[in-house]
Amino acid sequence: MNSPIIATAVLLTTLYIALPVKAENSEHTRQLLATKHCQNCDLSGAGLVLANLSGANLNGANLSGANLSRANLSGADLSHANLSGASLFGANLSGAKLNDTNLSAVDLRDTYLVSADLNGANLNGANLQGAIGIPPQVGKAEDFYAWGVAQAQKADPKGAIEYFNQAISVNPNYAAAYMARGVARYQLLDRVGAIQDAQQAESLFLAQGNTGGHQTAQAFVKELQTPTASTPKSKPNFLNFLGGLGSLLLQSLF
């Protein structure tokens, strides 16, 4: 009675066993680790966590789905390589050649990209949160702003300011970026810098017809200019500092 089901199960099992399984090319992996030269190699899915590949020649290599987390790829040639879906979390890519490289859906969180060549690279869907040294041409002002907000939420105002600086560099009229940078500067006890940024945001919001942003910036400036009894001894909590203005600020900026 169950013979058709049994027959189907046997057929599916047979087909599954017969299907070729894509696996890492271990010979190419050994070649890379031994010589740091593996141009056009098939390294898809390779496990290269913490590998020292400084100066390696991986031009045109297939590294799709590879795990290169915290690998040292400083000065490596990865031009024209396929790294789609790979993990480069925390990797050192300073000075690396990544021109015309496929970096779609790549995990680039906390990577070091100082002096990296990303001309022509495909970064669609790549996660660059926390990356250091992102070239301005890689992201839009809104991208840098969003990364800055996320960094601020990690209680890292210095890192947040770096992103807001880049957002402003890409778009000098980005009022929200000035406002957010002012928030971060205040958290670093830089009241003068915070006031300057808040006033610039106030002016830009007014010129752009953003009533909510303009009112928030005005309130921020007013609070910053209010004399305090003493200078705080530690980083202030910005929302506590603004009190009732906190929710308005979040609505306008974040």
C-alpha atoms as a PDB file:
ATOM      1  CA  MET A   1       0.000   0.000   0.000  1.00  0.00           C
ATOM      2  CA  ASN A   2       2.908   2.290   0.737  1.00  0.00           C
ATOM      3  CA  SER A   3       5.049   1.061  -2.159  1.00  0.00           C
ATOM      4  CA  PRO A   4       4.641   4.273  -4.256  1.00  0.00           C
ATOM      5  CA  ILE A   5       5.818   6.362  -1.289  1.00  0.00           C
ATOM      6  CA  ILE A   6       8.761   4.044  -0.670  1.00  0.00           C
ATOM      7  CA  ALA A   7       9.687   4.096  -4.346  1.00  0.00           C
ATOM      8  CA  THR A   8       9.583   7.899  -4.421  1.00  0.00           C
ATOM      9  CA  ALA A   9      11.749   8.113  -1.318  1.00  0.00           C
ATOM     10  CA  VAL A  10      14.325   5.779  -2.841  1.00  0.00           C
ATOM     11  CA  LEU A  11      14.369   7.799  -6.069  1.00  0.00           C
ATOM     12  CA  LEU A  12      14.853  11.107  -4.247  1.00  0.00           C
ATOM     13  CA  THR A  13      17.630   9.632  -2.112  1.00  0.00           C
ATOM     14  CA  THR A  14      19.374   8.331  -5.212  1.00  0.00           C
ATOM     15  CA  LEU A  15      19.111  11.707  -6.930  1.00  0.00           C
ATOM     16  CA  TYR A  16      20.399  13.523  -3.844  1.00  0.00           C
ATOM     17  CA  ILE A  17      23.450  11.247  -3.618  1.00  0.00           C
ATOM     18  CA  ALA A  18      24.154  11.735  -7.315  1.00  0.00           C
ATOM     19  CA  LEU A  19      24.080  15.536  -7.136  1.00  0.00           C
ATOM     20  CA  PRO A  20      27.544  17.129  -7.149  1.00  0.00           C
ATOM     21  CA  VAL A  21      28.385  18.978  -3.931  1.00  0.00           C
ATOM     22  CA  LYS A  22      30.198  22.299  -4.268  1.00  0.00           C
ATOM     23  CA  ALA A  23      33.159  22.296  -1.903  1.00  0.00           C
ATOM     24  CA  GLU A  24      36.155  24.468  -1.223  1.00  0.00           C
ATOM     25  CA  ASN A  25      39.123  23.779  -3.524  1.00  0.00           C
ATOM     26  CA  SER A  26      41.574  22.661  -0.838  1.00  0.00           C
ATOM     27  CA  GLU A  27      44.517  22.658  -3.242  1.00  0.00           C
ATOM     28  CA  HIS A  28      43.970  26.308  -4.108  1.00  0.00           C
ATOM     29  CA  THR A  29      43.572  27.151  -0.426  1.00  0.00           C
ATOM     30  CA  ARG A  30      46.892  25.466   0.403  1.00  0.00           C
ATOM     31  CA  GLN A  31      48.553  27.291  -2.499  1.00  0.00           C
ATOM     32  CA  LEU A  32      47.277  30.648  -1.237  1.00  0.00           C
ATOM     33  CA  LEU A  33      48.407  30.090   2.338  1.00  0.00           C
ATOM     34  CA  ALA A  34      51.801  28.802   1.246  1.00  0.00           C
ATOM     35  CA  THR A  35      52.628  31.356  -1.451  1.00  0.00           C
ATOM     36  CA  LYS A  36      50.121  34.219  -1.077  1.00  0.00           C
ATOM     37  CA  HIS A  37      49.707  33.949  -4.824  1.00  0.00           C
ATOM     38  CA  CYS A  38      46.471  32.537  -6.173  1.00  0.00           C
ATOM     39  CA  GLN A  39      45.391  34.601  -9.147  1.00  0.00           C
ATOM     40  CA  ASN A  40      42.052  33.444 -10.643  1.00  0.00           C
ATOM     41  CA  CYS A  41      41.850  30.643  -8.062  1.00  0.00           C
ATOM     42  CA  ASP A  42      38.608  29.026  -6.936  1.00  0.00           C
ATOM     43  CA  LEU A  43      38.423  29.789  -3.222  1.00  0.00           C
ATOM     44  CA  SER A  44      34.657  29.894  -2.934  1.00  0.00           C
ATOM     45  CA  GLY A  45      33.534  28.979   0.576  1.00  0.00           C
ATOM     46  CA  ALA A  46      37.103  28.848   1.865  1.00  0.00           C
ATOM     47  CA  GLY A  47      37.721  29.175   5.599  1.00  0.00           C
ATOM     48  CA  LEU A  48      40.403  31.840   5.971  1.00  0.00           C
ATOM     49  CA  VAL A  49      39.618  33.336   9.378  1.00  0.00           C
ATOM     50  CA  LEU A  50      42.599  35.287  10.791  1.00  0.00           C
ATOM     51  CA  ALA A  51      44.717  34.325   7.757  1.00  0.00           C
ATOM     52  CA  ASN A  52      47.782  36.472   7.106  1.00  0.00           C
ATOM     53  CA  LEU A  53      47.333  37.416   3.460  1.00  0.00           C
ATOM     54  CA  SER A  54      49.114  40.736   3.499  1.00  0.00           C
ATOM     55  CA  GLY A  55      50.196  41.622  -0.041  1.00  0.00           C
ATOM     56  CA  ALA A  56      48.575  38.501  -1.496  1.00  0.00           C
ATOM     57  CA  ASN A  57      47.779  38.323  -5.209  1.00  0.00           C
ATOM     58  CA  LEU A  58      44.122  37.319  -5.499  1.00  0.00           C
ATOM     59  CA  ASN A  59      43.399  39.142  -8.715  1.00  0.00           C
ATOM     60  CA  GLY A  60      40.322  37.621 -10.358  1.00  0.00           C
ATOM     61  CA  ALA A  61      39.911  34.947  -7.667  1.00  0.00           C
ATOM     62  CA  ASN A  62      36.538  33.498  -6.773  1.00  0.00           C
ATOM     63  CA  LEU A  63      36.070  34.057  -3.044  1.00  0.00           C
ATOM     64  CA  SER A  64      32.280  34.005  -2.998  1.00  0.00           C
ATOM     65  CA  GLY A  65      30.969  32.890   0.377  1.00  0.00           C
ATOM     66  CA  ALA A  66      34.484  32.682   1.841  1.00  0.00           C
ATOM     67  CA  ASN A  67      35.103  33.457   5.509  1.00  0.00           C
ATOM     68  CA  LEU A  68      37.889  36.024   5.764  1.00  0.00           C
ATOM     69  CA  SER A  69      36.863  37.423   9.137  1.00  0.00           C
ATOM     70  CA  ARG A  70      39.724  39.313  10.822  1.00  0.00           C
ATOM     71  CA  ALA A  71      42.120  38.295   8.048  1.00  0.00           C
ATOM     72  CA  ASN A  72      45.075  40.544   7.245  1.00  0.00           C
ATOM     73  CA  LEU A  73      44.588  41.603   3.628  1.00  0.00           C
ATOM     74  CA  SER A  74      46.537  44.854   3.814  1.00  0.00           C
ATOM     75  CA  GLY A  75      47.977  45.704   0.416  1.00  0.00           C
ATOM     76  CA  ALA A  76      46.410  42.608  -1.154  1.00  0.00           C
ATOM     77  CA  ASP A  77      45.381  42.631  -4.810  1.00  0.00           C
ATOM     78  CA  LEU A  78      41.695  41.666  -4.910  1.00  0.00           C
ATOM     79  CA  SER A  79      40.879  43.550  -8.075  1.00  0.00           C
ATOM     80  CA  HIS A  80      38.303  41.862 -10.326  1.00  0.00           C
ATOM     81  CA  ALA A  81      37.755  39.191  -7.650  1.00  0.00           C
ATOM     82  CA  ASN A  82      34.337  37.813  -6.729  1.00  0.00           C
ATOM     83  CA  LEU A  83      33.686  38.204  -2.991  1.00  0.00           C
ATOM     84  CA  SER A  84      29.901  38.138  -3.140  1.00  0.00           C
ATOM     85  CA  GLY A  85      28.393  36.943   0.134  1.00  0.00           C
ATOM     86  CA  ALA A  86      31.805  36.654   1.807  1.00  0.00           C
ATOM     87  CA  SER A  87      32.532  37.605   5.411  1.00  0.00           C
ATOM     88  CA  LEU A  88      35.263  40.190   5.911  1.00  0.00           C
ATOM     89  CA  PHE A  89      34.190  41.157   9.404  1.00  0.00           C
ATOM     90  CA  GLY A  90      37.042  42.950  11.157  1.00  0.00           C
ATOM     91  CA  ALA A  91      39.453  42.318   8.272  1.00  0.00           C
ATOM     92  CA  ASN A  92      42.369  44.641   7.549  1.00  0.00           C
ATOM     93  CA  LEU A  93      41.929  45.892   3.968  1.00  0.00           C
ATOM     94  CA  SER A  94      44.076  48.996   4.297  1.00  0.00           C
ATOM     95  CA  GLY A  95      45.767  49.750   0.998  1.00  0.00           C
ATOM     96  CA  ALA A  96      44.077  46.789  -0.689  1.00  0.00           C
ATOM     97  CA  LYS A  97      43.191  46.866  -4.382  1.00  0.00           C
ATOM     98  CA  LEU A  98      39.440  46.307  -4.636  1.00  0.00           C
ATOM     99  CA  ASN A  99      38.827  48.008  -7.940  1.00  0.00           C
ATOM    100  CA  ASP A 100      36.102  46.366 -10.031  1.00  0.00           C
ATOM    101  CA  THR A 101      35.647  43.776  -7.268  1.00  0.00           C
ATOM    102  CA  ASN A 102      32.270  42.158  -6.624  1.00  0.00           C
ATOM    103  CA  LEU A 103      31.530  42.985  -2.991  1.00  0.00           C
ATOM    104  CA  SER A 104      27.771  42.530  -3.155  1.00  0.00           C
ATOM    105  CA  ALA A 105      26.177  41.403   0.132  1.00  0.00           C
ATOM    106  CA  VAL A 106      29.625  41.254   1.772  1.00  0.00           C
ATOM    107  CA  ASP A 107      30.005  41.635   5.538  1.00  0.00           C
ATOM    108  CA  LEU A 108      32.443  44.549   5.844  1.00  0.00           C
ATOM    109  CA  ARG A 109      31.593  45.484   9.424  1.00  0.00           C
ATOM    110  CA  ASP A 110      34.499  46.878  11.461  1.00  0.00           C
ATOM    111  CA  THR A 111      36.916  46.523   8.551  1.00  0.00           C
ATOM    112  CA  TYR A 112      39.903  48.822   7.964  1.00  0.00           C
ATOM    113  CA  LEU A 113      39.586  50.453   4.550  1.00  0.00           C
ATOM    114  CA  VAL A 114      42.140  53.237   4.861  1.00  0.00           C
ATOM    115  CA  SER A 115      43.684  53.928   1.416  1.00  0.00           C
ATOM    116  CA  ALA A 116      41.811  50.975  -0.131  1.00  0.00           C
ATOM    117  CA  ASP A 117      41.040  51.329  -3.850  1.00  0.00           C
ATOM    118  CA  LEU A 118      37.296  50.736  -4.291  1.00  0.00           C
ATOM    119  CA  ASN A 119      36.899  52.297  -7.723  1.00  0.00           C
ATOM    120  CA  GLY A 120      34.296  50.384  -9.711  1.00  0.00           C
ATOM    121  CA  ALA A 121      33.567  47.970  -6.858  1.00  0.00           C
ATOM    122  CA  ASN A 122      30.043  46.563  -6.570  1.00  0.00           C
ATOM    123  CA  LEU A 123      28.927  47.250  -2.996  1.00  0.00           C
ATOM    124  CA  ASN A 124      25.224  46.520  -3.395  1.00  0.00           C
ATOM    125  CA  GLY A 125      23.899  45.142  -0.111  1.00  0.00           C
ATOM    126  CA  ALA A 126      27.304  45.313   1.611  1.00  0.00           C
ATOM    127  CA  ASN A 127      27.301  45.974   5.361  1.00  0.00           C
ATOM    128  CA  LEU A 128      29.842  48.710   6.154  1.00  0.00           C
ATOM    129  CA  GLN A 129      28.739  49.463   9.702  1.00  0.00           C
ATOM    130  CA  GLY A 130      31.714  50.347  11.883  1.00  0.00           C
ATOM    131  CA  ALA A 131      34.197  50.274   8.982  1.00  0.00           C
ATOM    132  CA  ILE A 132      37.099  52.703   9.323  1.00  0.00           C
ATOM    133  CA  GLY A 133      38.328  54.817   6.423  1.00  0.00           C
ATOM    134  CA  ILE A 134      35.351  54.449   4.076  1.00  0.00           C
ATOM    135  CA  PRO A 135      36.082  56.576   0.981  1.00  0.00           C
ATOM    136  CA  PRO A 136      33.457  59.342   0.555  1.00  0.00           C
ATOM    137  CA  GLN A 137      32.563  58.172  -2.937  1.00  0.00           C
ATOM    138  CA  VAL A 138      31.492  54.774  -1.609  1.00  0.00           C
ATOM    139  CA  GLY A 139      28.373  55.959   0.221  1.00  0.00           C
ATOM    140  CA  LYS A 140      25.686  58.604   0.038  1.00  0.00           C
ATOM    141  CA  ALA A 141      25.411  61.281   2.709  1.00  0.00           C
ATOM    142  CA  GLU A 142      22.394  59.430   4.092  1.00  0.00           C
ATOM    143  CA  ASP A 143      24.491  56.265   4.436  1.00  0.00           C
ATOM    144  CA  PHE A 144      27.180  57.999   6.476  1.00  0.00           C
ATOM    145  CA  TYR A 145      24.513  59.685   8.586  1.00  0.00           C
ATOM    146  CA  ALA A 146      22.818  56.348   9.333  1.00  0.00           C
ATOM    147  CA  TRP A 147      26.167  54.749  10.231  1.00  0.00           C
ATOM    148  CA  GLY A 148      26.885  57.692  12.519  1.00  0.00           C
ATOM    149  CA  VAL A 149      23.571  57.321  14.318  1.00  0.00           C
ATOM    150  CA  ALA A 150      24.189  53.598  14.777  1.00  0.00           C
ATOM    151  CA  GLN A 151      27.666  54.318  16.160  1.00  0.00           C
ATOM    152  CA  ALA A 152      26.229  56.890  18.554  1.00  0.00           C
ATOM    153  CA  GLN A 153      23.779  54.288  19.804  1.00  0.00           C
ATOM    154  CA  LYS A 154      26.793  52.146  20.679  1.00  0.00           C
ATOM    155  CA  ALA A 155      27.971  54.942  23.003  1.00  0.00           C
ATOM    156  CA  ASP A 156      30.822  55.852  20.648  1.00  0.00           C
ATOM    157  CA  PRO A 157      30.445  59.614  20.009  1.00  0.00           C
ATOM    158  CA  LYS A 158      33.943  59.925  18.519  1.00  0.00           C
ATOM    159  CA  GLY A 159      33.191  57.259  15.939  1.00  0.00           C
ATOM    160  CA  ALA A 160      29.810  58.837  15.273  1.00  0.00           C
ATOM    161  CA  ILE A 161      31.428  62.225  14.622  1.00  0.00           C
ATOM    162  CA  GLU A 162      33.697  60.681  11.979  1.00  0.00           C
ATOM    163  CA  TYR A 163      30.642  59.434  10.081  1.00  0.00           C
ATOM    164  CA  PHE A 164      28.796  62.751  10.462  1.00  0.00           C
ATOM    165  CA  ASN A 165      31.917  64.522   9.145  1.00  0.00           C
ATOM    166  CA  GLN A 166      31.787  62.344   6.037  1.00  0.00           C
ATOM    167  CA  ALA A 167      28.055  62.936   5.608  1.00  0.00           C
ATOM    168  CA  ILE A 168      28.692  66.699   5.700  1.00  0.00           C
ATOM    169  CA  SER A 169      31.648  66.317   3.328  1.00  0.00           C
ATOM    170  CA  VAL A 170      29.362  64.647   0.784  1.00  0.00           C
ATOM    171  CA  ASN A 171      26.478  67.059   1.415  1.00  0.00           C
ATOM    172  CA  PRO A 172      27.518  70.357   3.075  1.00  0.00           C
ATOM    173  CA  ASN A 173      23.842  71.324   3.480  1.00  0.00           C
ATOM    174  CA  TYR A 174      22.851  68.232   5.456  1.00  0.00           C
ATOM    175  CA  ALA A 175      21.183  69.934   8.428  1.00  0.00           C
ATOM    176  CA  ALA A 176      20.432  66.744  10.381  1.00  0.00           C
ATOM    177  CA  ALA A 177      24.099  65.720  10.200  1.00  0.00           C
ATOM    178  CA  TYR A 178      25.177  69.019  11.787  1.00  0.00           C
ATOM    179  CA  MET A 179      22.546  68.569  14.469  1.00  0.00           C
ATOM    180  CA  ALA A 180      23.580  64.999  15.192  1.00  0.00           C
ATOM    181  CA  ARG A 181      27.253  65.980  15.272  1.00  0.00           C
ATOM    182  CA  GLY A 182      26.349  68.669  17.763  1.00  0.00           C
ATOM    183  CA  VAL A 183      24.747  66.015  19.949  1.00  0.00           C
ATOM    184  CA  ALA A 184      27.884  63.878  19.804  1.00  0.00           C
ATOM    185  CA  ARG A 185      30.122  66.872  20.531  1.00  0.00           C
ATOM    186  CA  TYR A 186      28.075  67.756  23.574  1.00  0.00           C
ATOM    187  CA  GLN A 187      28.477  64.183  24.817  1.00  0.00           C
ATOM    188  CA  LEU A 188      32.226  64.749  24.566  1.00  0.00           C
ATOM    189  CA  LEU A 189      31.795  67.937  26.654  1.00  0.00           C
ATOM    190  CA  ASP A 190      32.565  70.130  23.636  1.00  0.00           C
ATOM    191  CA  ARG A 191      29.887  72.729  24.326  1.00  0.00           C
ATOM    192  CA  VAL A 192      31.355  75.329  21.929  1.00  0.00           C
ATOM    193  CA  GLY A 193      31.453  72.870  19.036  1.00  0.00           C
ATOM    194  CA  ALA A 194      27.960  71.636  19.882  1.00  0.00           C
ATOM    195  CA  ILE A 195      26.565  75.193  19.791  1.00  0.00           C
ATOM    196  CA  GLN A 196      28.262  75.916  16.454  1.00  0.00           C
ATOM    197  CA  ASP A 197      26.782  72.773  14.902  1.00  0.00           C
ATOM    198  CA  ALA A 198      23.337  73.414  16.368  1.00  0.00           C
ATOM    199  CA  GLN A 199      23.324  76.984  15.036  1.00  0.00           C
ATOM    200  CA  GLN A 200      24.394  75.773  11.591  1.00  0.00           C
ATOM    201  CA  ALA A 201      21.602  73.174  11.671  1.00  0.00           C
ATOM    202  CA  GLU A 202      19.126  75.849  12.759  1.00  0.00           C
ATOM    203  CA  SER A 203      20.093  78.055   9.801  1.00  0.00           C
ATOM    204  CA  LEU A 204      19.907  75.206   7.296  1.00  0.00           C
ATOM    205  CA  PHE A 205      16.592  73.857   8.584  1.00  0.00           C
ATOM    206  CA  LEU A 206      15.115  77.375   8.246  1.00  0.00           C
ATOM    207  CA  ALA A 207      16.428  77.805   4.690  1.00  0.00           C
ATOM    208  CA  GLN A 208      15.085  74.362   3.741  1.00  0.00           C
ATOM    209  CA  GLY A 209      11.645  75.022   5.200  1.00  0.00           C
ATOM    210  CA  ASN A 210      11.902  72.231   7.769  1.00  0.00           C
ATOM    211  CA  THR A 211       9.813  73.680  10.576  1.00  0.00           C
ATOM    212  CA  GLY A 212      10.189  70.735  12.956  1.00  0.00           C
ATOM    213  CA  GLY A 213      13.943  70.591  12.506  1.00  0.00           C
ATOM    214  CA  HIS A 214      14.266  74.358  12.890  1.00  0.00           C
ATOM    215  CA  GLN A 215      12.283  74.371  16.135  1.00  0.00           C
ATOM    216  CA  THR A 216      14.310  71.484  17.531  1.00  0.00           C
ATOM    217  CA  ALA A 217      17.592  73.185  16.627  1.00  0.00           C
ATOM    218  CA  GLN A 218      16.410  76.414  18.253  1.00  0.00           C
ATOM    219  CA  ALA A 219      15.526  74.566  21.448  1.00  0.00           C
ATOM    220  CA  PHE A 220      18.875  72.766  21.392  1.00  0.00           C
ATOM    221  CA  VAL A 221      20.798  76.033  21.042  1.00  0.00           C
ATOM    222  CA  LYS A 222      18.784  77.596  23.847  1.00  0.00           C
ATOM    223  CA  GLU A 223      19.496  74.699  26.196  1.00  0.00           C
ATOM    224  CA  LEU A 224      23.183  74.693  25.305  1.00  0.00           C
ATOM    225  CA  GLN A 225      23.478  78.402  25.990  1.00  0.00           C
ATOM    226  CA  THR A 226      21.734  78.174  29.368  1.00  0.00           C
ATOM    227  CA  PRO A 227      24.351  78.739  32.107  1.00  0.00           C
ATOM    228  CA  THR A 228      24.984  75.681  34.260  1.00  0.00           C
ATOM    229  CA  ALA A 229      26.038  75.590  37.886  1.00  0.00           C
ATOM    230  CA  SER A 230      29.093  73.523  37.164  1.00  0.00           C
ATOM    231  CA  THR A 231      30.801  71.591  34.404  1.00  0.00           C
ATOM    232  CA  PRO A 232      29.804  67.907  34.443  1.00  0.00           C
ATOM    233  CA  LYS A 233      32.578  65.536  35.449  1.00  0.00           C
ATOM    234  CA  SER A 234      31.556  62.804  33.043  1.00  0.00           C
ATOM    235  CA  LYS A 235      29.899  62.449  29.662  1.00  0.00           C
ATOM    236  CA  PRO A 236      26.320  63.663  30.010  1.00  0.00           C
ATOM    237  CA  ASN A 237      23.387  61.640  28.807  1.00  0.00           C
ATOM    238  CA  PHE A 238      22.074  63.726  25.960  1.00  0.00           C
ATOM    239  CA  LEU A 239      18.441  62.779  26.390  1.00  0.00           C
ATOM    240  CA  ASN A 240      18.591  63.574  30.106  1.00  0.00           C
ATOM    241  CA  PHE A 241      20.184  66.899  29.229  1.00  0.00           C
ATOM    242  CA  LEU A 242      17.387  67.809  26.841  1.00  0.00           C
ATOM    243  CA  GLY A 243      14.672  66.433  29.083  1.00  0.00           C
ATOM    244  CA  GLY A 244      11.342  66.865  27.335  1.00  0.00           C
ATOM    245  CA  LEU A 245      13.041  67.779  24.055  1.00  0.00           C
ATOM    246  CA  GLY A 246      14.472  64.263  23.738  1.00  0.00           C
ATOM    247  CA  SER A 247      11.485  62.731  21.975  1.00  0.00           C
ATOM    248  CA  LEU A 248      11.225  65.704  19.613  1.00  0.00           C
ATOM    249  CA  LEU A 249      14.890  65.380  18.723  1.00  0.00           C
ATOM    250  CA  LEU A 250      14.517  61.694  17.996  1.00  0.00           C
ATOM    251  CA  GLN A 251      11.530  62.340  15.759  1.00  0.00           C
ATOM    252  CA  SER A 252      13.378  65.029  13.824  1.00  0.00           C
ATOM    253  CA  LEU A 253      16.719  63.254  13.442  1.00  0.00           C
ATOM    254  CA  PHE A 254      16.578  59.533  14.054  1.00  0.00           C
END
